[in-house]
Amino acid sequence: MNSIELIKQLLNRLKKFSWLIAVIAAGFGGFFYYIARQSVLVYTSRATVFR
């Protein structure tokens, strides 16, 4: 098996499971969005360096 055949087989296998990859990516995207929304930083003090 040369490298061209290997790449073709890998692409065929990825195409077969592309729906699973899309579902996992959407799940991780939703999870990281939820985490980012939960940890919003609120700055309550003012900088006094330039006063």
PDB file of N, CA and C in Angstrom:
ATOM      1  N   MET A   1       0.856  -1.181   0.000  1.00  0.00           N
ATOM      2  CA  MET A   1       0.000   0.000   0.000  1.00  0.00           C
ATOM      3  C   MET A   1       0.899   1.239   0.000  1.00  0.00           C
ATOM      4  N   ASN A   2       0.707   2.071  -0.972  1.00  0.00           N
ATOM      5  CA  ASN A   2       1.487   3.305  -0.996  1.00  0.00           C
ATOM      6  C   ASN A   2       0.713   4.428  -0.304  1.00  0.00           C
ATOM      7  N   SER A   3       1.317   5.594  -0.262  1.00  0.00           N
ATOM      8  CA  SER A   3       0.711   6.685   0.496  1.00  0.00           C
ATOM      9  C   SER A   3      -0.584   7.187  -0.142  1.00  0.00           C
ATOM     10  N   ILE A   4      -0.700   7.124  -1.453  1.00  0.00           N
ATOM     11  CA  ILE A   4      -1.930   7.573  -2.123  1.00  0.00           C
ATOM     12  C   ILE A   4      -3.102   6.679  -1.736  1.00  0.00           C
ATOM     13  N   GLU A   5      -2.889   5.378  -1.742  1.00  0.00           N
ATOM     14  CA  GLU A   5      -3.960   4.450  -1.354  1.00  0.00           C
ATOM     15  C   GLU A   5      -4.325   4.625   0.112  1.00  0.00           C
ATOM     16  N   LEU A   6      -3.329   4.874   0.945  1.00  0.00           N
ATOM     17  CA  LEU A   6      -3.594   5.087   2.367  1.00  0.00           C
ATOM     18  C   LEU A   6      -4.446   6.334   2.576  1.00  0.00           C
ATOM     19  N   ILE A   7      -4.119   7.405   1.885  1.00  0.00           N
ATOM     20  CA  ILE A   7      -4.894   8.644   2.011  1.00  0.00           C
ATOM     21  C   ILE A   7      -6.320   8.434   1.516  1.00  0.00           C
ATOM     22  N   LYS A   8      -6.488   7.699   0.422  1.00  0.00           N
ATOM     23  CA  LYS A   8      -7.834   7.424  -0.091  1.00  0.00           C
ATOM     24  C   LYS A   8      -8.650   6.623   0.912  1.00  0.00           C
ATOM     25  N   GLN A   9      -8.040   5.613   1.549  1.00  0.00           N
ATOM     26  CA  GLN A   9      -8.769   4.819   2.536  1.00  0.00           C
ATOM     27  C   GLN A   9      -9.122   5.650   3.761  1.00  0.00           C
ATOM     28  N   LEU A  10      -8.204   6.512   4.193  1.00  0.00           N
ATOM     29  CA  LEU A  10      -8.505   7.363   5.343  1.00  0.00           C
ATOM     30  C   LEU A  10      -9.648   8.329   5.038  1.00  0.00           C
ATOM     31  N   LEU A  11      -9.649   8.899   3.841  1.00  0.00           N
ATOM     32  CA  LEU A  11     -10.734   9.814   3.474  1.00  0.00           C
ATOM     33  C   LEU A  11     -12.067   9.088   3.373  1.00  0.00           C
ATOM     34  N   ASN A  12     -12.055   7.864   2.839  1.00  0.00           N
ATOM     35  CA  ASN A  12     -13.297   7.087   2.773  1.00  0.00           C
ATOM     36  C   ASN A  12     -13.821   6.769   4.162  1.00  0.00           C
ATOM     37  N   ARG A  13     -12.929   6.441   5.079  1.00  0.00           N
ATOM     38  CA  ARG A  13     -13.359   6.139   6.444  1.00  0.00           C
ATOM     39  C   ARG A  13     -13.889   7.391   7.129  1.00  0.00           C
ATOM     40  N   LEU A  14     -13.259   8.540   6.881  1.00  0.00           N
ATOM     41  CA  LEU A  14     -13.760   9.784   7.463  1.00  0.00           C
ATOM     42  C   LEU A  14     -15.121  10.156   6.891  1.00  0.00           C
ATOM     43  N   LYS A  15     -15.330   9.928   5.605  1.00  0.00           N
ATOM     44  CA  LYS A  15     -16.630  10.215   5.001  1.00  0.00           C
ATOM     45  C   LYS A  15     -17.711   9.322   5.591  1.00  0.00           C
ATOM     46  N   LYS A  16     -17.351   8.083   5.917  1.00  0.00           N
ATOM     47  CA  LYS A  16     -18.327   7.153   6.480  1.00  0.00           C
ATOM     48  C   LYS A  16     -18.814   7.632   7.848  1.00  0.00           C
ATOM     49  N   PHE A  17     -17.916   8.221   8.637  1.00  0.00           N
ATOM     50  CA  PHE A  17     -18.271   8.655   9.987  1.00  0.00           C
ATOM     51  C   PHE A  17     -18.391  10.169  10.094  1.00  0.00           C
ATOM     52  N   SER A  18     -18.652  10.851   8.986  1.00  0.00           N
ATOM     53  CA  SER A  18     -18.711  12.312   9.028  1.00  0.00           C
ATOM     54  C   SER A  18     -19.878  12.807   9.878  1.00  0.00           C
ATOM     55  N   TRP A  19     -20.992  12.088   9.897  1.00  0.00           N
ATOM     56  CA  TRP A  19     -22.130  12.508  10.719  1.00  0.00           C
ATOM     57  C   TRP A  19     -21.776  12.423  12.196  1.00  0.00           C
ATOM     58  N   LEU A  20     -21.016  11.394  12.586  1.00  0.00           N
ATOM     59  CA  LEU A  20     -20.615  11.257  13.987  1.00  0.00           C
ATOM     60  C   LEU A  20     -19.650  12.372  14.378  1.00  0.00           C
ATOM     61  N   ILE A  21     -18.737  12.709  13.490  1.00  0.00           N
ATOM     62  CA  ILE A  21     -17.797  13.795  13.757  1.00  0.00           C
ATOM     63  C   ILE A  21     -18.548  15.111  13.903  1.00  0.00           C
ATOM     64  N   ALA A  22     -19.554  15.339  13.060  1.00  0.00           N
ATOM     65  CA  ALA A  22     -20.343  16.573  13.137  1.00  0.00           C
ATOM     66  C   ALA A  22     -21.130  16.643  14.443  1.00  0.00           C
ATOM     67  N   VAL A  23     -21.695  15.519  14.886  1.00  0.00           N
ATOM     68  CA  VAL A  23     -22.455  15.501  16.139  1.00  0.00           C
ATOM     69  C   VAL A  23     -21.536  15.775  17.323  1.00  0.00           C
ATOM     70  N   ILE A  24     -20.368  15.153  17.334  1.00  0.00           N
ATOM     71  CA  ILE A  24     -19.424  15.366  18.434  1.00  0.00           C
ATOM     72  C   ILE A  24     -18.938  16.816  18.445  1.00  0.00           C
ATOM     73  N   ALA A  25     -18.655  17.377  17.263  1.00  0.00           N
ATOM     74  CA  ALA A  25     -18.201  18.768  17.182  1.00  0.00           C
ATOM     75  C   ALA A  25     -19.284  19.721  17.679  1.00  0.00           C
ATOM     76  N   ALA A  26     -20.535  19.468  17.315  1.00  0.00           N
ATOM     77  CA  ALA A  26     -21.629  20.318  17.784  1.00  0.00           C
ATOM     78  C   ALA A  26     -21.797  20.197  19.295  1.00  0.00           C
ATOM     79  N   GLY A  27     -21.641  18.993  19.817  1.00  0.00           N
ATOM     80  CA  GLY A  27     -21.734  18.794  21.259  1.00  0.00           C
ATOM     81  C   GLY A  27     -20.656  19.545  22.015  1.00  0.00           C
ATOM     82  N   PHE A  28     -19.420  19.435  21.546  1.00  0.00           N
ATOM     83  CA  PHE A  28     -18.338  20.163  22.199  1.00  0.00           C
ATOM     84  C   PHE A  28     -18.524  21.673  22.053  1.00  0.00           C
ATOM     85  N   GLY A  29     -19.012  22.118  20.901  1.00  0.00           N
ATOM     86  CA  GLY A  29     -19.266  23.541  20.714  1.00  0.00           C
ATOM     87  C   GLY A  29     -20.304  24.059  21.694  1.00  0.00           C
ATOM     88  N   GLY A  30     -21.385  23.310  21.859  1.00  0.00           N
ATOM     89  CA  GLY A  30     -22.407  23.696  22.826  1.00  0.00           C
ATOM     90  C   GLY A  30     -21.893  23.683  24.248  1.00  0.00           C
ATOM     91  N   PHE A  31     -21.078  22.692  24.577  1.00  0.00           N
ATOM     92  CA  PHE A  31     -20.515  22.593  25.924  1.00  0.00           C
ATOM     93  C   PHE A  31     -19.600  23.777  26.227  1.00  0.00           C
ATOM     94  N   PHE A  32     -18.710  24.106  25.288  1.00  0.00           N
ATOM     95  CA  PHE A  32     -17.795  25.216  25.525  1.00  0.00           C
ATOM     96  C   PHE A  32     -18.527  26.554  25.531  1.00  0.00           C
ATOM     97  N   TYR A  33     -19.596  26.678  24.746  1.00  0.00           N
ATOM     98  CA  TYR A  33     -20.407  27.893  24.784  1.00  0.00           C
ATOM     99  C   TYR A  33     -21.070  28.041  26.151  1.00  0.00           C
ATOM    100  N   TYR A  34     -21.584  26.942  26.690  1.00  0.00           N
ATOM    101  CA  TYR A  34     -22.216  26.967  28.011  1.00  0.00           C
ATOM    102  C   TYR A  34     -21.207  27.353  29.087  1.00  0.00           C
ATOM    103  N   ILE A  35     -20.016  26.770  29.022  1.00  0.00           N
ATOM    104  CA  ILE A  35     -18.981  27.086  30.007  1.00  0.00           C
ATOM    105  C   ILE A  35     -18.579  28.559  29.900  1.00  0.00           C
ATOM    106  N   ALA A  36     -18.447  29.071  28.686  1.00  0.00           N
ATOM    107  CA  ALA A  36     -18.066  30.475  28.499  1.00  0.00           C
ATOM    108  C   ALA A  36     -19.148  31.409  29.023  1.00  0.00           C
ATOM    109  N   ARG A  37     -20.408  31.041  28.868  1.00  0.00           N
ATOM    110  CA  ARG A  37     -21.493  31.891  29.358  1.00  0.00           C
ATOM    111  C   ARG A  37     -21.584  31.864  30.878  1.00  0.00           C
ATOM    112  N   GLN A  38     -21.167  30.774  31.508  1.00  0.00           N
ATOM    113  CA  GLN A  38     -21.247  30.666  32.960  1.00  0.00           C
ATOM    114  C   GLN A  38     -20.154  31.466  33.657  1.00  0.00           C
ATOM    115  N   SER A  39     -19.001  31.579  33.042  1.00  0.00           N
ATOM    116  CA  SER A  39     -17.866  32.222  33.710  1.00  0.00           C
ATOM    117  C   SER A  39     -17.580  33.590  33.101  1.00  0.00           C
ATOM    118  N   VAL A  40     -18.553  34.481  33.209  1.00  0.00           N
ATOM    119  CA  VAL A  40     -18.387  35.839  32.702  1.00  0.00           C
ATOM    120  C   VAL A  40     -17.688  36.661  33.779  1.00  0.00           C
ATOM    121  N   LEU A  41     -16.592  37.300  33.415  1.00  0.00           N
ATOM    122  CA  LEU A  41     -15.856  38.114  34.369  1.00  0.00           C
ATOM    123  C   LEU A  41     -16.491  39.497  34.470  1.00  0.00           C
ATOM    124  N   VAL A  42     -16.628  39.966  35.696  1.00  0.00           N
ATOM    125  CA  VAL A  42     -17.163  41.301  35.938  1.00  0.00           C
ATOM    126  C   VAL A  42     -16.100  42.070  36.703  1.00  0.00           C
ATOM    127  N   TYR A  43     -15.631  43.141  36.108  1.00  0.00           N
ATOM    128  CA  TYR A  43     -14.626  43.966  36.759  1.00  0.00           C
ATOM    129  C   TYR A  43     -15.342  45.078  37.520  1.00  0.00           C
ATOM    130  N   THR A  44     -15.130  45.125  38.831  1.00  0.00           N
ATOM    131  CA  THR A  44     -15.846  46.095  39.658  1.00  0.00           C
ATOM    132  C   THR A  44     -14.951  47.233  40.123  1.00  0.00           C
ATOM    133  N   SER A  45     -13.665  47.166  39.888  1.00  0.00           N
ATOM    134  CA  SER A  45     -12.775  48.233  40.342  1.00  0.00           C
ATOM    135  C   SER A  45     -12.283  49.041  39.149  1.00  0.00           C
ATOM    136  N   ARG A  46     -11.804  50.235  39.446  1.00  0.00           N
ATOM    137  CA  ARG A  46     -11.271  51.097  38.396  1.00  0.00           C
ATOM    138  C   ARG A  46      -9.756  51.132  38.514  1.00  0.00           C
ATOM    139  N   ALA A  47      -9.106  51.233  37.389  1.00  0.00           N
ATOM    140  CA  ALA A  47      -7.651  51.324  37.394  1.00  0.00           C
ATOM    141  C   ALA A  47      -7.233  52.716  37.847  1.00  0.00           C
ATOM    142  N   THR A  48      -6.280  52.782  38.770  1.00  0.00           N
ATOM    143  CA  THR A  48      -5.828  54.073  39.288  1.00  0.00           C
ATOM    144  C   THR A  48      -4.392  54.358  38.883  1.00  0.00           C
ATOM    145  N   VAL A  49      -3.888  53.666  37.892  1.00  0.00           N
ATOM    146  CA  VAL A  49      -2.497  53.849  37.493  1.00  0.00           C
ATOM    147  C   VAL A  49      -2.303  55.208  36.833  1.00  0.00           C
ATOM    148  N   PHE A  50      -3.259  55.638  36.030  1.00  0.00           N
ATOM    149  CA  PHE A  50      -3.095  56.858  35.246  1.00  0.00           C
ATOM    150  C   PHE A  50      -3.817  58.053  35.862  1.00  0.00           C
ATOM    151  N   ARG A  51      -4.172  58.000  37.129  1.00  0.00           N
ATOM    152  CA  ARG A  51      -4.881  59.117  37.748  1.00  0.00           C
ATOM    153  C   ARG A  51      -3.937  60.037  38.455  1.00  0.00           C
TER     154      ARG A  51
END
